[in-house]
Structure formats: structure tokens, C-alpha cells
Amino acid sequence: MVMSMNVDLVGRSISFGAPSTQWWTQLASAIVGGLSFATLLTLALTPCLLVLGDNLSNGLQRLRQGSSPSRPQLDSGNRFQHSLGRA
């Protein structure tokens, strides 16, 4: 649809740039753009913002406690212990 291709199943013909494809091309472009944007948000931006929020909350917690700004060492290789408050 994005390529302006019209497939006529009854007449068994394929045409490019037909008048009926002009509306479908705009709709298909909007759908493809929306899916691309949603994929980018889901796979890239959301995890980055989650890590950023965790780092900021850990930094603020360390500032309130008066400890050094170095990263804490996690116990027994479990990387979720610090974010759950058990470090």
C-alpha cells in the first residue's frame, strides 16, 4: 500500500499509481510511521528512561545519607537487590 500498488483480485491485474491507491497510500504511511515511532519508544527510550530514573533515585538517596558518590557494590551478583532496597 505504501508503494501505491493496487492488486485487483477479480480482474487479476496489478497496477501502480491507480487513483484508488492515493487514499490508501496516505493511510498506510500513517500506520507505518506510527508503528515505527511506537517501536522506537518501546525498545529504546523506555529502558533508557527507566535506568536514568533508577540512577537518579540512587544518587539522591546517597546524597541524603551523606555517603560518597561512587556506585554501590551489589551482593551475590543479583543486580536487582539495590533497586529493591536490599543492598
C-alpha atoms as a PDB file:
ATOM      1  CA  MET A   1       0.000   0.000   0.000  1.00  0.00           C
ATOM      2  CA  VAL A   2       2.783   2.425   0.754  1.00  0.00           C
ATOM      3  CA  MET A   3       4.227   1.792  -2.726  1.00  0.00           C
ATOM      4  CA  SER A   4       0.914   2.755  -4.465  1.00  0.00           C
ATOM      5  CA  MET A   5       0.372  -0.770  -5.712  1.00  0.00           C
ATOM      6  CA  ASN A   6      -3.188  -1.841  -6.463  1.00  0.00           C
ATOM      7  CA  VAL A   7      -3.967  -5.575  -6.667  1.00  0.00           C
ATOM      8  CA  ASP A   8      -7.245  -6.395  -8.421  1.00  0.00           C
ATOM      9  CA  LEU A   9      -8.162  -9.954  -7.388  1.00  0.00           C
ATOM     10  CA  VAL A  10     -11.222 -10.177  -9.626  1.00  0.00           C
ATOM     11  CA  GLY A  11      -9.574  -8.870 -12.806  1.00  0.00           C
ATOM     12  CA  ARG A  12      -6.226 -10.459 -11.910  1.00  0.00           C
ATOM     13  CA  SER A  13      -4.185  -7.333 -12.515  1.00  0.00           C
ATOM     14  CA  ILE A  14      -1.616  -5.324 -10.615  1.00  0.00           C
ATOM     15  CA  SER A  15      -1.298  -1.589 -11.228  1.00  0.00           C
ATOM     16  CA  PHE A  16       0.874   1.130  -9.756  1.00  0.00           C
ATOM     17  CA  GLY A  17      -0.324   4.671  -9.073  1.00  0.00           C
ATOM     18  CA  ALA A  18      -4.011   3.978  -9.626  1.00  0.00           C
ATOM     19  CA  PRO A  19      -6.475   6.577  -8.277  1.00  0.00           C
ATOM     20  CA  SER A  20      -7.792   4.130  -5.669  1.00  0.00           C
ATOM     21  CA  THR A  21      -4.327   3.800  -4.121  1.00  0.00           C
ATOM     22  CA  GLN A  22      -3.902   7.506  -3.331  1.00  0.00           C
ATOM     23  CA  TRP A  23      -6.048   7.336  -0.191  1.00  0.00           C
ATOM     24  CA  TRP A  24      -4.559   4.019   0.901  1.00  0.00           C
ATOM     25  CA  THR A  25      -1.019   5.363   0.471  1.00  0.00           C
ATOM     26  CA  GLN A  26      -1.660   8.141   2.977  1.00  0.00           C
ATOM     27  CA  LEU A  27      -3.287   5.762   5.440  1.00  0.00           C
ATOM     28  CA  ALA A  28      -0.511   3.178   5.100  1.00  0.00           C
ATOM     29  CA  SER A  29       2.160   5.851   5.569  1.00  0.00           C
ATOM     30  CA  ALA A  30       0.493   6.992   8.788  1.00  0.00           C
ATOM     31  CA  ILE A  31       0.289   3.417  10.080  1.00  0.00           C
ATOM     32  CA  VAL A  32       3.916   2.637   9.232  1.00  0.00           C
ATOM     33  CA  GLY A  33       5.080   5.894  10.818  1.00  0.00           C
ATOM     34  CA  GLY A  34       3.074   5.234  13.973  1.00  0.00           C
ATOM     35  CA  LEU A  35       4.377   1.692  14.321  1.00  0.00           C
ATOM     36  CA  SER A  36       7.959   2.845  13.786  1.00  0.00           C
ATOM     37  CA  PHE A  37       7.598   5.567  16.421  1.00  0.00           C
ATOM     38  CA  ALA A  38       5.983   3.174  18.918  1.00  0.00           C
ATOM     39  CA  THR A  39       8.745   0.624  18.354  1.00  0.00           C
ATOM     40  CA  LEU A  40      11.398   3.251  18.957  1.00  0.00           C
ATOM     41  CA  LEU A  41       9.712   4.354  22.181  1.00  0.00           C
ATOM     42  CA  THR A  42       9.205   0.813  23.428  1.00  0.00           C
ATOM     43  CA  LEU A  43      12.597  -0.675  22.620  1.00  0.00           C
ATOM     44  CA  ALA A  44      14.934   2.279  23.104  1.00  0.00           C
ATOM     45  CA  LEU A  45      13.549   5.219  25.028  1.00  0.00           C
ATOM     46  CA  THR A  46      11.590   3.409  27.752  1.00  0.00           C
ATOM     47  CA  PRO A  47      14.518   1.291  29.055  1.00  0.00           C
ATOM     48  CA  CYS A  48      16.823   4.327  28.947  1.00  0.00           C
ATOM     49  CA  LEU A  49      14.400   6.408  30.995  1.00  0.00           C
ATOM     50  CA  LEU A  50      13.922   3.575  33.498  1.00  0.00           C
ATOM     51  CA  VAL A  51      17.690   3.294  34.035  1.00  0.00           C
ATOM     52  CA  LEU A  52      18.011   7.080  34.270  1.00  0.00           C
ATOM     53  CA  GLY A  53      15.276   7.254  36.899  1.00  0.00           C
ATOM     54  CA  ASP A  54      16.874   4.468  38.919  1.00  0.00           C
ATOM     55  CA  ASN A  55      20.287   6.148  38.779  1.00  0.00           C
ATOM     56  CA  LEU A  56      18.828   9.490  39.834  1.00  0.00           C
ATOM     57  CA  SER A  57      16.910   7.994  42.748  1.00  0.00           C
ATOM     58  CA  ASN A  58      20.005   6.087  43.904  1.00  0.00           C
ATOM     59  CA  GLY A  59      22.100   9.251  43.655  1.00  0.00           C
ATOM     60  CA  LEU A  60      19.590  11.281  45.653  1.00  0.00           C
ATOM     61  CA  GLN A  61      19.386   8.543  48.260  1.00  0.00           C
ATOM     62  CA  ARG A  62      23.188   8.529  48.629  1.00  0.00           C
ATOM     63  CA  LEU A  63      23.223  12.331  48.924  1.00  0.00           C
ATOM     64  CA  ARG A  64      20.618  12.220  51.680  1.00  0.00           C
ATOM     65  CA  GLN A  65      22.626   9.593  53.558  1.00  0.00           C
ATOM     66  CA  GLY A  66      25.833  11.609  53.155  1.00  0.00           C
ATOM     67  CA  SER A  67      27.833   8.825  51.517  1.00  0.00           C
ATOM     68  CA  SER A  68      30.309   9.117  48.672  1.00  0.00           C
ATOM     69  CA  PRO A  69      29.022   9.391  45.081  1.00  0.00           C
ATOM     70  CA  SER A  70      30.638   6.093  43.997  1.00  0.00           C
ATOM     71  CA  ARG A  71      28.384   3.287  42.770  1.00  0.00           C
ATOM     72  CA  PRO A  72      27.449   0.689  45.412  1.00  0.00           C
ATOM     73  CA  GLN A  73      28.596  -2.914  45.057  1.00  0.00           C
ATOM     74  CA  LEU A  74      25.772  -5.428  44.762  1.00  0.00           C
ATOM     75  CA  ASP A  75      25.767  -8.676  46.706  1.00  0.00           C
ATOM     76  CA  SER A  76      25.916 -12.166  45.148  1.00  0.00           C
ATOM     77  CA  GLY A  77      25.587 -10.966  41.556  1.00  0.00           C
ATOM     78  CA  ASN A  78      21.895 -10.109  41.890  1.00  0.00           C
ATOM     79  CA  ARG A  79      21.606  -6.805  40.086  1.00  0.00           C
ATOM     80  CA  PHE A  80      18.102  -6.104  41.379  1.00  0.00           C
ATOM     81  CA  GLN A  81      18.981  -6.076  45.068  1.00  0.00           C
ATOM     82  CA  HIS A  82      19.985  -2.420  45.140  1.00  0.00           C
ATOM     83  CA  SER A  83      16.911  -1.192  43.294  1.00  0.00           C
ATOM     84  CA  LEU A  84      14.696  -3.119  45.713  1.00  0.00           C
ATOM     85  CA  GLY A  85      16.351  -1.518  48.730  1.00  0.00           C
ATOM     86  CA  ARG A  86      18.090  -4.667  49.970  1.00  0.00           C
ATOM     87  CA  ALA A  87      21.678  -3.685  49.189  1.00  0.00           C
END
